[in-house]
Amino acid sequence: MAEIRQIFDRSEIQAYLDGVQRGGPLAHTASDEAYEEMREAGAIDEDPVEWAEEIPLIERAKKLLLA
């Protein structure tokens, strides 16, 4: 984790983590518009349970990276 903090400023990490809206393989490769189109077309499996499981992981990452 020290390596991440050496590459990115704390404010950059904070801004990124505050903006996390979705996870999975398309999180960083599809634009919001493309993601929404694929979701509406049924190409993305929507699993609210999986999304809920990711929330504590993101919060833990925030604590570790911004400490």
N, C-alpha and C. Protein backbone atom coordinates (compact mmCIF):
# COMPACT_ATOMS: atom_id res chain seq x y z
N MET A 1 0.80 -1.19 0.00
CA MET A 1 0.00 0.00 0.00
C MET A 1 0.85 1.26 0.00
N ALA A 2 2.00 1.16 0.58
CA ALA A 2 2.88 2.32 0.59
C ALA A 2 3.19 2.76 -0.84
N GLU A 3 3.28 1.80 -1.78
CA GLU A 3 3.57 2.14 -3.16
C GLU A 3 2.46 3.00 -3.76
N ILE A 4 1.23 2.67 -3.46
CA ILE A 4 0.09 3.45 -3.98
C ILE A 4 0.16 4.86 -3.45
N ARG A 5 0.48 5.01 -2.19
CA ARG A 5 0.55 6.34 -1.59
C ARG A 5 1.72 7.15 -2.14
N GLN A 6 2.74 6.47 -2.65
CA GLN A 6 3.87 7.18 -3.25
C GLN A 6 3.54 7.66 -4.66
N ILE A 7 2.65 6.95 -5.33
CA ILE A 7 2.28 7.28 -6.71
C ILE A 7 1.20 8.35 -6.74
N PHE A 8 0.22 8.23 -5.86
CA PHE A 8 -0.93 9.13 -5.86
C PHE A 8 -0.97 9.97 -4.61
N ASP A 9 -1.36 11.19 -4.77
CA ASP A 9 -1.57 12.10 -3.65
C ASP A 9 -2.82 11.66 -2.88
N ARG A 10 -2.84 11.93 -1.59
CA ARG A 10 -3.99 11.54 -0.76
C ARG A 10 -5.30 12.05 -1.33
N SER A 11 -5.31 13.28 -1.83
CA SER A 11 -6.55 13.84 -2.37
C SER A 11 -7.00 13.10 -3.63
N GLU A 12 -6.05 12.59 -4.43
CA GLU A 12 -6.42 11.81 -5.61
C GLU A 12 -7.06 10.48 -5.21
N ILE A 13 -6.49 9.84 -4.21
CA ILE A 13 -7.05 8.57 -3.72
C ILE A 13 -8.44 8.82 -3.15
N GLN A 14 -8.58 9.88 -2.36
CA GLN A 14 -9.87 10.23 -1.76
C GLN A 14 -10.91 10.48 -2.84
N ALA A 15 -10.56 11.26 -3.86
CA ALA A 15 -11.51 11.57 -4.94
C ALA A 15 -11.92 10.31 -5.68
N TYR A 16 -10.96 9.42 -5.95
CA TYR A 16 -11.28 8.18 -6.65
C TYR A 16 -12.24 7.33 -5.82
N LEU A 17 -11.90 7.12 -4.56
CA LEU A 17 -12.73 6.25 -3.72
C LEU A 17 -14.10 6.86 -3.46
N ASP A 18 -14.19 8.17 -3.39
CA ASP A 18 -15.49 8.82 -3.21
C ASP A 18 -16.36 8.67 -4.46
N GLY A 19 -15.72 8.48 -5.61
CA GLY A 19 -16.46 8.39 -6.86
C GLY A 19 -16.78 6.97 -7.30
N VAL A 20 -16.36 5.98 -6.54
CA VAL A 20 -16.63 4.59 -6.92
C VAL A 20 -18.14 4.36 -6.90
N GLN A 21 -18.67 4.01 -8.07
CA GLN A 21 -20.11 3.79 -8.17
C GLN A 21 -20.46 2.36 -8.56
N ARG A 22 -19.52 1.67 -9.14
CA ARG A 22 -19.79 0.30 -9.56
C ARG A 22 -18.49 -0.49 -9.52
N GLY A 23 -18.64 -1.79 -9.45
CA GLY A 23 -17.47 -2.66 -9.42
C GLY A 23 -17.52 -3.67 -10.53
N GLY A 24 -16.71 -4.67 -10.43
CA GLY A 24 -16.69 -5.72 -11.43
C GLY A 24 -15.78 -5.39 -12.59
N PRO A 25 -15.75 -6.26 -13.58
CA PRO A 25 -14.81 -6.11 -14.68
C PRO A 25 -15.03 -4.87 -15.54
N LEU A 26 -16.24 -4.33 -15.56
CA LEU A 26 -16.49 -3.15 -16.38
C LEU A 26 -16.29 -1.84 -15.64
N ALA A 27 -15.97 -1.91 -14.38
CA ALA A 27 -15.89 -0.71 -13.56
C ALA A 27 -14.94 0.33 -14.11
N HIS A 28 -13.83 -0.08 -14.64
CA HIS A 28 -12.83 0.88 -15.08
C HIS A 28 -12.62 0.87 -16.59
N THR A 29 -13.39 0.06 -17.31
CA THR A 29 -13.18 -0.04 -18.75
C THR A 29 -14.33 0.55 -19.56
N ALA A 30 -15.50 0.64 -18.97
CA ALA A 30 -16.66 1.18 -19.69
C ALA A 30 -17.01 2.56 -19.14
N SER A 31 -17.39 3.45 -20.03
CA SER A 31 -17.87 4.75 -19.58
C SER A 31 -19.21 4.56 -18.87
N ASP A 32 -19.64 5.57 -18.14
CA ASP A 32 -20.94 5.47 -17.47
C ASP A 32 -22.06 5.23 -18.49
N GLU A 33 -21.96 5.90 -19.64
CA GLU A 33 -22.99 5.76 -20.66
C GLU A 33 -23.01 4.34 -21.24
N ALA A 34 -21.82 3.81 -21.56
CA ALA A 34 -21.74 2.46 -22.11
C ALA A 34 -22.22 1.43 -21.09
N TYR A 35 -21.83 1.62 -19.85
CA TYR A 35 -22.25 0.71 -18.79
C TYR A 35 -23.78 0.71 -18.68
N GLU A 36 -24.38 1.90 -18.69
CA GLU A 36 -25.83 2.01 -18.56
C GLU A 36 -26.54 1.36 -19.75
N GLU A 37 -26.00 1.55 -20.96
CA GLU A 37 -26.59 0.91 -22.14
C GLU A 37 -26.56 -0.62 -22.01
N MET A 38 -25.42 -1.14 -21.58
CA MET A 38 -25.30 -2.60 -21.43
C MET A 38 -26.22 -3.10 -20.31
N ARG A 39 -26.34 -2.33 -19.25
CA ARG A 39 -27.21 -2.73 -18.14
C ARG A 39 -28.66 -2.77 -18.61
N GLU A 40 -29.08 -1.73 -19.31
CA GLU A 40 -30.47 -1.67 -19.81
C GLU A 40 -30.76 -2.79 -20.81
N ALA A 41 -29.75 -3.21 -21.56
CA ALA A 41 -29.93 -4.29 -22.54
C ALA A 41 -29.90 -5.67 -21.89
N GLY A 42 -29.62 -5.72 -20.59
CA GLY A 42 -29.59 -6.98 -19.89
C GLY A 42 -28.26 -7.72 -20.01
N ALA A 43 -27.23 -7.02 -20.48
CA ALA A 43 -25.92 -7.65 -20.67
C ALA A 43 -25.10 -7.72 -19.39
N ILE A 44 -25.56 -7.03 -18.35
CA ILE A 44 -24.84 -7.01 -17.08
C ILE A 44 -25.73 -7.64 -16.02
N ASP A 45 -25.19 -8.62 -15.36
CA ASP A 45 -25.91 -9.30 -14.28
C ASP A 45 -25.95 -8.37 -13.07
N GLU A 46 -27.13 -7.98 -12.67
CA GLU A 46 -27.29 -7.10 -11.51
C GLU A 46 -27.57 -7.95 -10.28
N ASP A 47 -26.66 -7.90 -9.35
CA ASP A 47 -26.78 -8.69 -8.14
C ASP A 47 -26.64 -7.78 -6.93
N PRO A 48 -27.75 -7.32 -6.36
CA PRO A 48 -27.68 -6.40 -5.22
C PRO A 48 -26.94 -6.99 -4.03
N VAL A 49 -26.98 -8.30 -3.86
CA VAL A 49 -26.27 -8.93 -2.75
C VAL A 49 -24.77 -8.77 -2.97
N GLU A 50 -24.32 -9.02 -4.18
CA GLU A 50 -22.89 -8.85 -4.48
C GLU A 50 -22.47 -7.39 -4.28
N TRP A 51 -23.31 -6.45 -4.72
CA TRP A 51 -22.99 -5.04 -4.54
C TRP A 51 -22.87 -4.70 -3.07
N ALA A 52 -23.79 -5.23 -2.27
CA ALA A 52 -23.76 -4.98 -0.83
C ALA A 52 -22.50 -5.55 -0.19
N GLU A 53 -22.03 -6.67 -0.72
CA GLU A 53 -20.81 -7.27 -0.18
C GLU A 53 -19.58 -6.43 -0.51
N GLU A 54 -19.63 -5.64 -1.58
CA GLU A 54 -18.49 -4.82 -1.97
C GLU A 54 -18.36 -3.56 -1.12
N ILE A 55 -19.44 -3.10 -0.54
CA ILE A 55 -19.41 -1.86 0.24
C ILE A 55 -18.40 -1.92 1.37
N PRO A 56 -18.40 -2.97 2.21
CA PRO A 56 -17.39 -3.02 3.27
C PRO A 56 -15.96 -3.07 2.74
N LEU A 57 -15.77 -3.69 1.58
CA LEU A 57 -14.43 -3.75 0.99
C LEU A 57 -13.95 -2.35 0.59
N ILE A 58 -14.83 -1.57 0.01
CA ILE A 58 -14.47 -0.21 -0.38
C ILE A 58 -14.19 0.64 0.85
N GLU A 59 -15.01 0.49 1.88
CA GLU A 59 -14.79 1.24 3.11
C GLU A 59 -13.46 0.85 3.76
N ARG A 60 -13.13 -0.42 3.72
CA ARG A 60 -11.85 -0.88 4.29
C ARG A 60 -10.68 -0.29 3.49
N ALA A 61 -10.81 -0.28 2.17
CA ALA A 61 -9.77 0.29 1.33
C ALA A 61 -9.56 1.76 1.66
N LYS A 62 -10.66 2.48 1.88
CA LYS A 62 -10.57 3.89 2.25
C LYS A 62 -9.76 4.05 3.54
N LYS A 63 -10.10 3.24 4.53
CA LYS A 63 -9.40 3.34 5.81
C LYS A 63 -7.91 3.05 5.66
N LEU A 64 -7.59 2.00 4.91
CA LEU A 64 -6.19 1.62 4.74
C LEU A 64 -5.39 2.62 3.94
N LEU A 65 -5.98 3.12 2.86
CA LEU A 65 -5.25 4.01 1.97
C LEU A 65 -5.19 5.45 2.47
N LEU A 66 -6.17 5.84 3.25
CA LEU A 66 -6.22 7.25 3.68
C LEU A 66 -5.78 7.45 5.11
N ALA A 67 -5.32 6.40 5.75
CA ALA A 67 -4.86 6.51 7.14
C ALA A 67 -3.60 7.32 7.24
